[in-house]
Amino acid sequence: MATEEVNKPQSLPPYPELILKALEALNEPSGSSKSAISKYIESTYGELPDSTVLGNQLNKMKDSGELVFSKNNYLKADPSAPPKRGRGRPPKPKAPVSPGTVVSPPRPRGRPPKDPNAPPKSPKPKPTPGSGRPRGRPRKIPRSPAATVAPATVSSGRPRGRPPKVKPQLREVSVDL
């Protein structure tokens, strides 16, 4: 029973504390890289349980403004620096409302509900089936066998397709030596 208590791994402080202590101890002017922070924590506290947790915590602290990420290094945020603005165009400043003005709630989004007291609409008149052309692609009209033979016999005197390329005639050249 006593051996179990001795072999227990020491409990680590929360990751944000570990990261801030590592940054203070490393004290590099351009900031410390993720690998430098993890090496410091491993040398001080022993093996980290999971290496991906450190990256997630660094990203959380960067997003919350506790750390500044610059040139692949993490720095402690300067308390006197202005807060980082998000991406995109900033929202327009709202005009101040005078105290006597009553502000109405904004219009609801989406399609308005149907009025239950409104009279029912008359259904659209359906077109009669005999009026105009039928819907869809027209039917292919089958040709009679006699009609298919007739155009083949009639010719205009020209063969079908591209005419053959005309090759120039070769002449014999005599060489006298």
Protein backbone atom coordinates (compact mmCIF):
# COMPACT_ATOMS: atom_id res chain seq x y z
CA MET A 1 0.00 0.00 0.00
CA ALA A 2 2.84 2.38 0.82
CA THR A 3 4.53 1.66 -2.52
CA GLU A 4 1.45 2.77 -4.46
CA GLU A 5 1.56 6.22 -2.84
CA VAL A 6 5.28 6.61 -3.59
CA ASN A 7 4.93 5.58 -7.28
CA LYS A 8 2.07 8.03 -7.99
CA PRO A 9 3.12 10.65 -10.54
CA GLN A 10 3.16 14.16 -9.15
CA SER A 11 0.11 16.16 -10.14
CA LEU A 12 0.88 18.80 -12.73
CA PRO A 13 -0.38 22.36 -12.38
CA PRO A 14 -2.86 23.51 -15.04
CA TYR A 15 -1.42 23.93 -18.53
CA PRO A 16 -1.81 27.74 -18.67
CA GLU A 17 0.32 28.01 -15.52
CA LEU A 18 2.92 25.64 -16.98
CA ILE A 19 3.10 27.66 -20.19
CA LEU A 20 3.40 31.03 -18.42
CA LYS A 21 6.13 29.69 -16.08
CA ALA A 22 8.02 28.31 -19.09
CA LEU A 23 7.83 31.67 -20.89
CA GLU A 24 9.08 33.49 -17.76
CA ALA A 25 11.92 31.01 -17.24
CA LEU A 26 13.04 30.98 -20.89
CA ASN A 27 12.82 34.81 -21.05
CA GLU A 28 13.66 35.10 -24.74
CA PRO A 29 13.16 38.60 -26.21
CA SER A 30 11.60 37.34 -29.46
CA GLY A 31 9.43 34.78 -27.66
CA SER A 32 9.65 31.01 -27.25
CA SER A 33 8.68 28.35 -29.74
CA LYS A 34 6.27 25.54 -28.99
CA SER A 35 9.10 23.00 -28.96
CA ALA A 36 11.15 25.12 -26.52
CA ILE A 37 8.14 25.43 -24.19
CA SER A 38 7.47 21.66 -24.31
CA LYS A 39 11.15 20.84 -23.68
CA TYR A 40 11.23 23.15 -20.65
CA ILE A 41 8.04 21.62 -19.21
CA GLU A 42 9.34 18.07 -19.78
CA SER A 43 12.69 18.87 -18.13
CA THR A 44 11.02 20.53 -15.14
CA TYR A 45 7.93 18.37 -14.54
CA GLY A 46 8.80 15.12 -16.31
CA GLU A 47 7.03 13.52 -19.26
CA LEU A 48 3.91 15.30 -20.55
CA PRO A 49 0.81 13.08 -20.70
CA ASP A 50 -0.16 14.21 -24.22
CA SER A 51 1.75 16.48 -26.60
CA THR A 52 -1.35 17.65 -28.53
CA VAL A 53 -2.87 19.15 -25.37
CA LEU A 54 -0.01 21.66 -25.18
CA GLY A 55 -0.72 22.87 -28.73
CA ASN A 56 -4.44 23.17 -28.00
CA GLN A 57 -3.77 25.15 -24.81
CA LEU A 58 -1.35 27.48 -26.64
CA ASN A 59 -4.03 28.13 -29.28
CA LYS A 60 -6.67 28.80 -26.60
CA MET A 61 -4.39 31.23 -24.80
CA LYS A 62 -3.53 32.91 -28.11
CA ASP A 63 -7.22 33.31 -29.00
CA SER A 64 -8.12 34.65 -25.54
CA GLY A 65 -5.31 37.23 -25.72
CA GLU A 66 -3.12 35.87 -22.92
CA LEU A 67 -0.35 35.11 -25.44
CA VAL A 68 0.78 36.79 -28.64
CA PHE A 69 1.92 34.64 -31.57
CA SER A 70 4.65 36.29 -33.64
CA LYS A 71 7.02 34.66 -36.14
CA ASN A 72 6.27 31.13 -34.88
CA ASN A 73 7.02 32.18 -31.28
CA TYR A 74 4.77 32.79 -28.31
CA LEU A 75 5.13 35.93 -26.15
CA LYS A 76 3.27 37.10 -23.08
CA ALA A 77 0.68 39.69 -24.07
CA ASP A 78 1.57 43.29 -23.22
CA PRO A 79 -1.10 44.59 -20.82
CA SER A 80 -0.82 48.15 -22.21
CA ALA A 81 -1.32 46.99 -25.83
CA PRO A 82 -4.76 47.59 -27.40
CA PRO A 83 -6.94 44.48 -27.76
CA LYS A 84 -6.62 42.63 -31.04
CA ARG A 85 -9.47 43.31 -33.43
CA GLY A 86 -11.10 40.39 -35.24
CA ARG A 87 -11.11 39.85 -38.98
CA GLY A 88 -13.38 41.71 -41.35
CA ARG A 89 -14.94 45.13 -41.35
CA PRO A 90 -15.74 46.58 -37.93
CA PRO A 91 -19.43 47.17 -37.18
CA LYS A 92 -20.88 50.63 -37.66
CA PRO A 93 -21.15 52.71 -34.50
CA LYS A 94 -24.73 52.85 -33.27
CA ALA A 95 -26.36 56.26 -33.13
CA PRO A 96 -27.29 57.31 -29.59
CA VAL A 97 -31.02 57.09 -28.90
CA SER A 98 -32.68 60.01 -27.13
CA PRO A 99 -34.31 59.01 -23.82
CA GLY A 100 -37.88 59.91 -24.91
CA THR A 101 -37.84 57.64 -28.00
CA VAL A 102 -39.59 54.28 -27.79
CA VAL A 103 -37.61 51.55 -29.52
CA SER A 104 -39.78 49.00 -31.32
CA PRO A 105 -38.62 45.38 -31.46
CA PRO A 106 -36.96 44.36 -34.73
CA ARG A 107 -39.03 42.74 -37.44
CA PRO A 108 -39.18 38.94 -37.15
CA ARG A 109 -37.17 37.05 -39.72
CA GLY A 110 -38.58 34.59 -42.21
CA ARG A 111 -41.95 34.20 -43.83
CA PRO A 112 -44.89 35.69 -41.93
CA PRO A 113 -47.45 33.17 -40.64
CA LYS A 114 -50.71 32.66 -42.54
CA ASP A 115 -53.76 34.56 -41.34
CA PRO A 116 -56.31 32.00 -40.09
CA ASN A 117 -59.22 34.45 -40.71
CA ALA A 118 -58.32 35.11 -44.36
CA PRO A 119 -60.64 33.66 -47.02
CA PRO A 120 -59.24 30.61 -48.85
CA LYS A 121 -57.63 31.29 -52.22
CA SER A 122 -59.25 29.87 -55.34
CA PRO A 123 -57.15 27.11 -56.91
CA LYS A 124 -55.33 27.89 -60.17
CA PRO A 125 -57.25 26.83 -63.29
CA LYS A 126 -55.57 23.78 -64.85
CA PRO A 127 -54.92 23.94 -68.59
CA THR A 128 -57.00 21.60 -70.70
CA PRO A 129 -55.05 18.61 -72.06
CA GLY A 130 -56.03 19.28 -75.71
CA SER A 131 -54.74 22.85 -75.82
CA GLY A 132 -51.41 23.42 -77.55
CA ARG A 133 -48.48 21.03 -77.62
CA PRO A 134 -48.02 18.19 -75.16
CA ARG A 135 -45.32 18.43 -72.50
CA GLY A 136 -41.83 17.04 -72.97
CA ARG A 137 -39.77 15.99 -75.94
CA PRO A 138 -41.72 15.30 -79.16
CA ARG A 139 -42.03 11.72 -80.31
CA LYS A 140 -39.64 10.49 -82.98
CA ILE A 141 -41.50 9.76 -86.18
CA PRO A 142 -40.47 6.36 -87.58
CA ARG A 143 -39.56 6.32 -91.28
CA SER A 144 -40.86 3.73 -93.67
CA PRO A 145 -38.28 1.33 -95.24
CA ALA A 146 -38.99 2.70 -98.74
CA ALA A 147 -38.17 6.24 -97.64
CA THR A 148 -34.73 5.25 -96.29
CA VAL A 149 -33.63 3.71 -99.62
CA ALA A 150 -34.71 6.65 -101.76
CA PRO A 151 -32.17 9.24 -100.50
CA ALA A 152 -29.26 6.79 -100.92
CA THR A 153 -29.91 6.40 -104.67
CA VAL A 154 -30.10 10.13 -105.28
CA SER A 155 -26.63 11.66 -105.47
CA SER A 156 -25.38 15.08 -106.34
CA GLY A 157 -22.25 13.79 -108.10
CA ARG A 158 -19.94 14.46 -105.15
CA PRO A 159 -18.65 11.80 -102.74
CA ARG A 160 -19.32 12.20 -99.03
CA GLY A 161 -16.67 13.36 -96.53
CA ARG A 162 -13.42 15.25 -96.83
CA PRO A 163 -11.71 15.04 -100.22
CA PRO A 164 -8.33 13.25 -100.32
CA LYS A 165 -5.15 15.35 -100.12
CA VAL A 166 -3.61 16.00 -103.50
CA LYS A 167 0.07 14.95 -103.63
CA PRO A 168 2.39 16.70 -106.11
CA GLN A 169 3.95 14.61 -108.89
CA LEU A 170 7.66 13.70 -108.45
CA ARG A 171 9.98 14.43 -111.41
CA GLU A 172 13.19 12.63 -112.19
CA VAL A 173 16.26 14.74 -111.97
CA SER A 174 19.34 13.72 -113.89
CA VAL A 175 22.73 14.41 -112.39
CA ASP A 176 25.68 14.76 -114.77
CA LEU A 177 29.16 14.28 -113.36
